[in-house]
Amino acid sequence: ETFTVMKCLFVVSACLMSLAIARRGGSGHAGVCDDGAKPTCSDGTDPVLVKGTDRRSPPCSDGKRPETCSDGSTPTRGNSASGGGGRGGCARADRLCCDGAKPVNDGDRSTPPCARGRPVCDITTQC
């Protein structure tokens, strides 16, 4: 009987996990422009997500995803082929300390990478 209860709990947990992953869907935009802005639709309007529809459905009136940047760049996602990575927004090798120095990454976690603060992608906007 205990084995049956555990098996049932496992199946329910697996189903709930599958539902949670499936519900995440897309964010409604194609990434971020080089200037940090979100891309717009090809007609210049902001993308609109209609409540109650699938978040993966295209939010532009032309049936496509927003892919136009006002600065002329191409929108990229955080994990793009250009080396951007996850939360930081840029490759670790491209980060700088706020004083302009290259961070110290000697493998010793007791040594801070920067004299003050932490390494950032853009010292003009993040320091």
Protein backbone atom coordinates (compact mmCIF):
# COMPACT_ATOMS: atom_id res chain seq x y z
CA GLU A 1 0.00 0.00 0.00
CA THR A 2 2.84 2.46 0.81
CA PHE A 3 4.43 1.72 -2.57
CA THR A 4 1.15 2.52 -4.36
CA VAL A 5 0.80 5.83 -2.51
CA MET A 6 4.38 6.80 -3.35
CA LYS A 7 3.87 5.83 -6.98
CA CYS A 8 0.70 7.93 -7.12
CA LEU A 9 2.48 10.92 -5.57
CA PHE A 10 5.29 10.60 -8.10
CA VAL A 11 2.87 10.56 -11.04
CA VAL A 12 0.97 13.59 -9.68
CA SER A 13 4.25 15.47 -9.10
CA ALA A 14 5.45 14.68 -12.62
CA CYS A 15 2.15 15.91 -14.09
CA LEU A 16 2.27 19.15 -12.11
CA MET A 17 5.87 19.74 -13.17
CA SER A 18 4.93 19.18 -16.83
CA LEU A 19 2.06 21.65 -16.55
CA ALA A 20 4.27 24.27 -14.93
CA ILE A 21 6.88 23.98 -17.67
CA ALA A 22 4.28 24.09 -20.43
CA ARG A 23 2.58 27.20 -18.97
CA ARG A 24 5.76 29.29 -19.01
CA GLY A 25 5.43 30.01 -22.74
CA GLY A 26 7.14 32.94 -24.45
CA SER A 27 7.62 36.40 -23.02
CA GLY A 28 5.83 38.10 -25.90
CA HIS A 29 8.88 39.82 -27.33
CA ALA A 30 11.86 38.68 -29.36
CA GLY A 31 14.49 39.83 -26.89
CA VAL A 32 16.23 43.13 -26.24
CA CYS A 33 17.66 45.75 -28.60
CA ASP A 34 21.26 46.96 -28.31
CA ASP A 35 20.07 50.13 -26.53
CA GLY A 36 18.22 48.00 -23.92
CA ALA A 37 14.73 48.75 -25.27
CA LYS A 38 12.18 46.09 -26.18
CA PRO A 39 11.53 45.63 -29.90
CA THR A 40 8.30 46.81 -31.50
CA CYS A 41 6.10 45.34 -34.22
CA SER A 42 7.00 46.00 -37.87
CA ASP A 43 4.28 48.69 -38.07
CA GLY A 44 5.83 50.55 -35.10
CA THR A 45 3.20 49.59 -32.52
CA ASP A 46 3.93 47.92 -29.22
CA PRO A 47 3.16 44.19 -29.03
CA VAL A 48 -0.14 43.38 -27.31
CA LEU A 49 -0.86 40.12 -25.53
CA VAL A 50 -4.57 39.40 -25.43
CA LYS A 51 -5.70 38.05 -22.09
CA GLY A 52 -6.83 34.44 -22.29
CA THR A 53 -4.77 33.60 -25.39
CA ASP A 54 -1.70 31.41 -25.60
CA ARG A 55 1.39 33.47 -24.66
CA ARG A 56 3.27 31.81 -27.51
CA SER A 57 0.91 33.31 -30.10
CA PRO A 58 2.39 36.25 -32.04
CA PRO A 59 1.46 39.57 -30.34
CA CYS A 60 1.65 41.73 -33.50
CA SER A 61 -1.23 42.48 -35.87
CA ASP A 62 0.77 41.09 -38.83
CA GLY A 63 0.94 37.67 -37.13
CA LYS A 64 4.65 37.94 -36.33
CA ARG A 65 6.72 38.59 -33.23
CA PRO A 66 8.18 42.05 -32.54
CA GLU A 67 11.53 42.29 -34.35
CA THR A 68 12.03 46.04 -34.97
CA CYS A 69 14.47 48.11 -32.92
CA SER A 70 14.39 51.92 -32.98
CA ASP A 71 18.22 51.98 -32.94
CA GLY A 72 18.40 49.73 -36.04
CA SER A 73 19.87 46.75 -34.17
CA THR A 74 18.54 43.20 -34.25
CA PRO A 75 16.90 42.04 -31.01
CA THR A 76 18.82 39.34 -29.14
CA ARG A 77 17.96 37.08 -26.26
CA GLY A 78 20.11 36.82 -23.11
CA ASN A 79 21.75 33.56 -24.24
CA SER A 80 22.57 34.63 -27.77
CA ALA A 81 25.36 33.33 -29.94
CA SER A 82 27.19 36.64 -29.40
CA GLY A 83 28.18 35.47 -25.93
CA GLY A 84 25.49 37.04 -23.78
CA GLY A 85 24.84 34.96 -20.75
CA GLY A 86 21.82 34.54 -18.54
CA ARG A 87 21.26 37.05 -15.75
CA GLY A 88 24.27 39.28 -16.39
CA GLY A 89 23.38 40.27 -19.93
CA CYS A 90 26.91 39.96 -21.30
CA ALA A 91 29.70 37.42 -21.39
CA ARG A 92 31.76 37.17 -18.22
CA ALA A 93 34.91 38.11 -20.15
CA ASP A 94 33.27 41.43 -21.22
CA ARG A 95 32.43 42.61 -17.70
CA LEU A 96 34.33 45.45 -16.01
CA CYS A 97 34.61 46.90 -12.52
CA CYS A 98 33.03 50.33 -11.96
CA ASP A 99 36.49 51.91 -11.87
CA GLY A 100 37.16 50.53 -15.38
CA ALA A 101 39.52 47.78 -14.23
CA LYS A 102 39.24 44.19 -15.40
CA PRO A 103 37.83 41.95 -12.61
CA VAL A 104 40.19 39.58 -10.82
CA ASN A 105 39.02 36.01 -11.41
CA ASP A 106 41.79 34.02 -9.75
CA GLY A 107 39.56 31.20 -8.49
CA ASP A 108 39.96 32.32 -4.86
CA ARG A 109 36.48 33.21 -3.63
CA SER A 110 37.91 35.18 -0.70
CA THR A 111 39.42 37.70 -3.15
CA PRO A 112 36.74 40.11 -4.41
CA PRO A 113 36.79 40.55 -8.20
CA CYS A 114 36.53 44.36 -7.87
CA ALA A 115 37.82 46.81 -5.27
CA ARG A 116 34.28 48.16 -4.90
CA GLY A 117 31.06 46.46 -6.01
CA ARG A 118 30.78 43.66 -8.52
CA PRO A 119 31.60 43.35 -12.24
CA VAL A 120 29.01 44.91 -14.57
CA CYS A 121 28.30 44.88 -18.29
CA ASP A 122 28.02 48.64 -18.79
CA ILE A 123 29.83 50.98 -16.39
CA THR A 124 27.98 54.04 -17.72
CA THR A 125 24.52 52.77 -16.73
CA GLN A 126 25.19 50.22 -13.96
CA CYS A 127 27.65 52.05 -11.69
